[in-house]
Protein backbone atom coordinates (compact mmCIF):
# COMPACT_ATOMS: atom_id res chain seq x y z
CA MET A 1 153.38 67.80 74.03
CA VAL A 2 151.45 70.09 72.04
CA ALA A 3 151.71 73.54 73.71
CA VAL A 4 153.49 75.53 76.43
CA GLN A 5 153.00 78.29 77.91
CA ASP A 6 155.52 80.82 80.03
CA THR A 7 155.81 84.77 80.70
CA ASN A 8 159.19 84.42 79.89
CA ALA A 9 159.13 84.48 75.75
CA ALA A 10 162.78 83.83 75.37
CA ARG A 11 162.79 80.59 77.31
CA ARG A 12 159.05 79.61 76.26
CA GLU A 13 160.52 79.56 72.44
CA ALA A 14 163.72 77.77 72.78
CA LEU A 15 161.75 75.36 74.64
CA CYS A 16 159.47 74.49 71.84
CA ARG A 17 162.29 74.36 69.31
CA GLU A 18 164.42 72.17 71.58
CA LYS A 19 161.45 70.00 72.03
CA ASN A 20 159.51 70.71 68.56
CA ILE A 21 156.38 71.70 70.32
CA PRO A 22 153.69 73.05 67.93
CA GLN A 23 152.24 75.79 69.85
CA CYS A 24 153.95 78.20 72.14
CA TYR A 25 151.56 80.71 74.50
CA ALA A 26 152.01 83.41 75.98
CA LEU A 27 149.10 83.46 78.64
CA ALA A 28 147.91 80.70 80.02
CA GLU A 29 144.26 81.63 79.00
CA GLU A 30 145.76 80.58 75.31
CA LEU A 31 146.76 77.25 76.69
CA PHE A 32 143.35 76.50 78.75
CA GLU A 33 141.43 77.33 75.09
CA ASP A 34 143.62 75.37 73.06
CA PRO A 35 141.36 72.15 71.70
CA GLU A 36 144.29 69.77 71.01
CA VAL A 37 145.15 70.21 74.68
CA ASP A 38 143.33 67.36 77.40
CA ALA A 39 145.85 67.46 79.96
CA VAL A 40 148.36 70.06 81.46
CA TYR A 41 151.54 70.10 84.21
CA ILE A 42 151.73 73.33 85.84
CA ALA A 43 154.84 73.85 87.79
CA VAL A 44 154.74 77.79 88.20
CA PRO A 45 155.41 79.99 91.32
CA ASN A 46 153.29 78.60 94.03
CA LYS A 47 151.02 81.61 94.65
CA PHE A 48 149.32 80.94 91.03
CA HIS A 49 149.07 76.65 92.01
CA VAL A 50 145.61 77.29 92.56
CA PRO A 51 144.13 79.97 90.80
CA LEU A 52 146.11 77.96 87.02
CA ALA A 53 144.91 74.49 88.25
CA VAL A 54 141.12 75.85 89.41
CA GLN A 55 141.11 77.76 85.66
CA ALA A 56 142.30 74.49 83.53
CA LEU A 57 139.93 72.38 85.45
CA GLU A 58 136.66 74.74 84.51
CA ALA A 59 138.59 74.56 81.16
CA GLY A 60 138.00 70.73 80.90
CA LYS A 61 141.61 69.65 81.29
CA HIS A 62 143.05 66.83 83.27
CA VAL A 63 145.45 68.62 85.72
CA ILE A 64 149.38 67.56 87.45
CA LEU A 65 150.21 70.21 89.42
CA ASP A 66 153.82 70.74 91.16
CA LYS A 67 154.20 70.64 94.63
CA PRO A 68 153.60 72.06 97.02
CA PHE A 69 149.87 71.26 96.95
CA ALA A 70 149.01 75.51 97.46
CA LEU A 71 149.77 78.56 100.06
CA SER A 72 147.03 76.78 102.35
CA ALA A 73 145.29 73.58 102.59
CA GLU A 74 142.08 76.00 102.76
CA GLU A 75 143.27 77.07 98.87
CA ALA A 76 144.11 73.62 97.99
CA GLY A 77 140.32 72.96 98.71
CA ARG A 78 139.19 75.32 96.24
CA ALA A 79 140.62 73.16 93.55
CA VAL A 80 139.37 69.71 95.09
CA GLU A 81 136.25 71.31 94.56
CA ALA A 82 136.70 72.46 91.31
CA ALA A 83 138.15 68.51 90.27
CA LYS A 84 134.94 67.10 91.10
CA LYS A 85 132.83 69.64 89.79
CA SER A 86 134.77 69.14 86.59
CA GLY A 87 134.96 65.48 86.56
CA LYS A 88 138.61 65.52 85.62
CA VAL A 89 141.69 64.03 87.11
CA LEU A 90 143.97 66.30 89.49
CA THR A 91 146.84 65.24 90.96
CA LEU A 92 150.05 66.32 92.60
CA GLY A 93 153.35 65.25 90.88
CA MET A 94 155.31 63.72 94.05
CA ASN A 95 158.08 62.48 92.15
CA GLN A 96 159.70 61.20 95.42
CA ARG A 97 157.07 58.51 95.65
CA PHE A 98 158.19 57.15 92.35
CA ASN A 99 161.62 56.09 93.36
CA GLU A 100 162.19 52.44 92.73
CA SER A 101 163.43 52.06 96.54
CA SER A 102 160.57 54.30 97.72
CA GLN A 103 158.05 51.72 95.72
CA GLN A 104 159.86 48.65 97.50
CA PHE A 105 159.88 49.85 100.52
CA ARG A 106 155.87 50.82 100.36
CA SER A 107 155.14 46.97 99.95
CA MET A 108 157.17 45.93 102.43
CA VAL A 109 155.46 47.73 104.96
CA ALA A 110 152.35 47.19 103.88
CA GLN A 111 153.25 43.17 103.92
CA GLY A 112 154.54 43.56 107.01
CA VAL A 113 158.19 43.29 107.36
CA PHE A 114 158.81 46.26 109.53
CA GLY A 115 156.16 44.68 111.79
CA GLU A 116 154.35 48.32 113.58
CA VAL A 117 155.94 51.38 111.79
CA TYR A 118 155.52 53.41 115.20
CA HIS A 119 158.01 56.38 114.57
CA ALA A 120 159.81 57.65 111.29
CA LYS A 121 162.51 60.58 110.78
CA ALA A 122 161.98 62.02 107.43
CA TYR A 123 164.63 64.54 106.72
CA TRP A 124 166.45 66.87 103.68
CA LEU A 125 169.54 68.64 104.59
CA ARG A 126 171.61 71.10 102.57
CA ARG A 127 174.41 72.71 103.21
CA SER A 128 173.68 75.21 99.91
CA GLY A 129 171.04 75.24 98.96
CA ILE A 130 168.60 77.95 98.83
CA PRO A 131 167.26 77.78 95.09
CA LYS A 132 168.72 81.37 94.08
CA LEU A 133 168.27 84.25 96.34
CA GLY A 134 166.46 87.21 94.69
CA THR A 135 163.68 85.13 92.97
CA TRP A 136 160.23 84.27 94.09
CA PHE A 137 161.27 81.16 95.99
CA GLY A 138 162.49 84.12 99.15
CA SER A 139 159.03 85.74 98.88
CA ARG A 140 156.58 85.41 101.28
CA GLU A 141 153.76 86.21 99.21
CA LEU A 142 154.70 83.85 96.14
CA ALA A 143 156.06 80.79 97.89
CA GLY A 144 154.18 80.89 101.31
CA GLY A 145 157.21 79.40 102.73
CA GLY A 146 160.85 78.42 102.02
CA CYS A 147 162.28 75.28 102.75
CA LEU A 148 159.59 73.32 104.74
CA TYR A 149 157.04 74.13 101.34
CA ASP A 150 160.08 73.81 98.87
CA ILE A 151 162.01 70.12 100.00
CA GLY A 152 159.82 69.68 103.31
CA VAL A 153 157.12 68.79 101.33
CA HIS A 154 158.73 66.32 99.37
CA VAL A 155 160.36 63.79 102.12
CA LEU A 156 156.75 64.62 104.63
CA ASP A 157 154.66 62.77 101.47
CA LEU A 158 156.82 60.33 101.03
CA CYS A 159 157.24 59.63 104.74
CA LEU A 160 153.61 59.32 105.16
CA TYR A 161 152.98 57.29 101.73
CA VAL A 162 155.75 54.85 103.05
CA MET A 163 154.27 54.56 106.04
CA GLY A 164 150.99 54.00 105.22
CA ASN A 165 149.52 56.46 107.39
CA PHE A 166 147.72 59.86 106.58
CA GLU A 167 145.64 59.99 109.70
CA PRO A 168 147.80 62.59 111.93
CA VAL A 169 146.59 64.60 114.98
CA SER A 170 148.28 66.98 115.86
CA ALA A 171 151.82 68.61 114.94
CA TYR A 172 154.56 70.76 116.48
CA GLY A 173 156.66 72.86 115.09
CA SER A 174 159.50 75.52 115.05
CA THR A 175 161.20 77.50 111.34
CA TYR A 176 164.24 79.73 111.43
CA SER A 177 166.01 82.06 109.00
CA LYS A 178 169.57 82.47 109.82
CA PHE A 179 171.20 82.34 106.21
CA GLY A 180 168.83 83.94 103.45
CA PRO A 181 168.69 86.95 104.99
CA ARG A 182 172.49 87.25 105.27
CA GLY A 183 172.67 86.42 101.53
CA LEU A 184 173.92 83.18 102.37
CA GLY A 185 173.63 79.50 101.44
CA GLU A 186 172.68 80.40 97.67
CA GLY A 187 172.39 77.09 95.70
CA SER A 188 172.78 76.23 92.05
CA TRP A 189 169.81 75.22 91.03
CA GLY A 190 166.77 76.81 89.20
CA LYS A 191 166.11 78.70 86.67
CA SER A 192 163.98 81.67 88.00
CA ASP A 193 164.83 85.33 87.12
CA HIS A 194 166.79 87.47 89.83
CA THR A 195 164.16 90.09 90.55
CA GLY A 196 165.63 91.38 93.90
CA LEU A 197 162.64 90.08 96.22
CA PRO A 198 164.01 89.95 99.50
CA PHE A 199 164.30 86.82 101.56
CA GLU A 200 161.47 86.30 103.89
CA VAL A 201 161.01 82.75 104.58
CA GLU A 202 162.60 79.92 106.42
CA ASP A 203 165.85 78.40 105.26
CA PHE A 204 165.47 75.94 108.18
CA ALA A 205 162.29 73.55 109.46
CA THR A 206 161.76 70.99 112.41
CA GLY A 207 159.00 69.32 114.01
CA GLN A 208 156.97 66.35 115.14
CA VAL A 209 153.52 64.85 113.86
CA ARG A 210 151.24 62.91 115.89
CA PHE A 211 149.28 60.16 113.81
CA ALA A 212 145.58 58.17 115.09
CA ASN A 213 147.05 55.01 116.17
CA GLY A 214 150.38 56.74 118.20
CA ALA A 215 153.16 56.49 115.87
CA THR A 216 155.41 59.84 115.61
CA VAL A 217 157.10 61.12 112.49
CA SER A 218 160.08 64.04 113.03
CA LEU A 219 161.04 66.52 110.08
CA ASP A 220 163.66 68.43 109.66
CA VAL A 221 164.60 70.24 106.46
CA THR A 222 167.79 72.91 105.59
CA TRP A 223 168.09 74.92 103.08
CA ALA A 224 171.19 76.03 104.42
CA ARG A 225 173.71 75.24 107.31
CA HIS A 226 177.26 74.22 108.46
CA CYS A 227 177.62 70.67 107.95
CA GLU A 228 179.85 68.27 106.41
CA LEU A 229 177.46 66.51 103.80
CA ASN A 230 176.16 69.13 100.64
CA ASP A 231 173.29 67.00 100.73
CA LYS A 232 171.53 65.15 103.39
CA VAL A 233 168.18 62.94 103.05
CA ASP A 234 166.14 59.95 103.50
CA VAL A 235 163.17 58.45 105.56
CA GLU A 236 163.95 55.97 108.10
CA LEU A 237 161.50 53.82 109.49
CA PHE A 238 161.59 52.37 113.45
CA GLY A 239 159.54 49.06 113.19
CA THR A 240 158.77 46.31 115.92
CA GLU A 241 159.96 43.67 113.70
CA ALA A 242 162.98 45.82 111.82
CA GLY A 243 164.47 49.29 111.09
CA GLY A 244 165.33 51.01 107.28
CA SER A 245 166.54 53.47 105.55
CA VAL A 246 164.18 54.07 102.38
CA TYR A 247 167.20 56.03 100.39
CA GLY A 248 169.93 53.80 102.44
CA LYS A 249 168.27 51.06 100.44
CA LYS A 250 168.98 48.49 103.84
CA ILE A 251 166.92 46.77 106.38
CA TYR A 252 167.92 46.91 109.91
CA ARG A 253 166.90 43.26 111.83
CA HIS A 254 167.86 41.39 114.75
CA ASP A 255 168.39 37.63 114.80
CA GLN A 256 166.87 36.06 117.73
CA ALA A 257 168.07 32.75 117.19
CA LEU A 258 171.75 33.90 116.66
CA GLY A 259 171.64 36.94 118.98
CA ALA A 260 172.76 39.38 116.75
CA HIS A 261 171.87 42.50 114.47
CA TYR A 262 172.27 42.27 110.97
CA THR A 263 172.22 44.42 107.71
CA LEU A 264 170.18 43.42 104.75
CA GLU A 265 171.15 45.67 101.71
CA ASN A 266 169.43 46.26 98.78
CA PRO A 267 165.83 44.51 99.45
CA ARG A 268 163.79 43.69 96.90
CA ALA A 269 159.85 43.83 96.65
CA THR A 270 156.77 44.77 94.54
CA VAL A 271 156.84 47.82 92.85
CA SER A 272 153.30 49.13 92.12
CA TYR A 273 154.14 51.62 89.27
CA PRO A 274 157.26 49.91 87.29
CA HIS A 275 157.40 52.87 84.86
CA LEU A 276 159.24 54.63 88.18
CA ASP A 277 157.70 58.35 86.72
CA ARG A 278 154.51 60.32 87.70
CA PHE A 279 153.66 61.66 84.36
CA HIS A 280 153.30 58.31 83.29
CA ASN A 281 151.04 57.35 86.32
CA PHE A 282 149.02 60.41 85.84
CA ILE A 283 148.42 59.59 81.87
CA ASN A 284 147.67 56.09 82.75
CA HIS A 285 145.23 57.12 85.37
CA ILE A 286 143.55 59.32 82.64
CA HIS A 287 143.41 56.15 80.11
CA GLY A 288 141.85 53.66 83.14
CA GLU A 289 144.89 51.73 83.00
CA GLU A 290 146.34 51.86 86.72
CA GLU A 291 145.72 53.66 89.85
CA LEU A 292 146.46 57.10 90.80
CA CYS A 293 149.59 57.55 93.21
CA VAL A 294 148.92 60.80 94.64
CA THR A 295 145.15 60.95 95.73
CA LEU A 296 143.95 64.51 96.65
CA GLU A 297 142.70 63.65 100.20
CA GLN A 298 146.54 62.44 100.72
CA ALA A 299 147.96 65.87 99.74
CA LEU A 300 145.52 67.65 101.63
CA THR A 301 146.41 65.83 104.36
CA VAL A 302 150.19 66.79 103.87
CA GLN A 303 149.02 70.37 103.19
CA ARG A 304 147.27 70.75 106.24
CA ILE A 305 150.50 68.83 108.44
CA LEU A 306 152.77 71.82 106.40
CA ASP A 307 150.50 74.76 107.33
CA ALA A 308 149.97 73.60 111.40
CA LEU A 309 154.07 73.27 111.50
CA ALA A 310 154.38 76.45 110.15
CA GLN A 311 151.25 77.75 112.55
CA SER A 312 153.20 75.86 115.63
CA SER A 313 156.66 78.04 115.44
CA LEU A 314 154.17 81.67 114.96
CA THR A 315 152.44 80.62 118.00
CA GLY A 316 154.75 78.46 120.15
CA ASP A 317 151.38 75.84 120.64
CA SER A 318 150.51 72.53 119.04
CA VAL A 319 148.13 72.76 116.71
CA LYS A 320 145.65 69.94 116.79
CA LEU A 321 144.93 68.07 113.09
């Protein structure tokens, strides 16, 4: 790391001291003008993802962007065009893809272990997990959405990646805001400043996505709800030859000869990215050493689904993709 930029002077200076980073900038423009900077990681409120990514790409920098891609697929398209024009690498840091179990289940699906994966359940259910009330996370203008765009994007992206299916045709969804507006459900995550912003986004989202081959995905995401466990996250696969739990690291099968069901725990399979790290993948790809895990086409597809679910909730109708 050769430079860091943050609008908060105390935080950026503390980070520079802690990590021994030589350059500490107040403005993004200063960082993008630094000839020693080859690539940047952009982790800022969602509203500024695309403007900063475009600015960095136009300055000749490779970019790894935090999720979600953008406030909308239309906006994300501007970053894609900027990447194509600049010839630089642009990707999203979808870290859930780089868990060992995620990599193994992707390999097993590709090898046909599950047969036809005709349905999957993706969920991230928090009991009290709003990333600090009064911050940009609850602002419609700055965040674009709530739990759907914050953690829903993680499990949705992981689900499509493991299935190997990025051809959605329609989406139907509903969103609710039942805890945040009452000042309930705050979690301890995040360092964002409390600025007294009102809570304007959803704290629960649910939906179903249908794909060109007839497969479906159900998605459930909460920042806050009444439940037993504080945090429950997984992608569950429904296949013709086996079922599975990605984070549970289990495969469910039926043995025809024995006439019995059984569970295989901690299955082993090939891992495409042994480093298990999004930044290693980004840098290795820049050096021409490995394929990029998160392609722009995949990232745009996930963004379109998020937009469709949000639109469906507003209109009450299914949205064609």
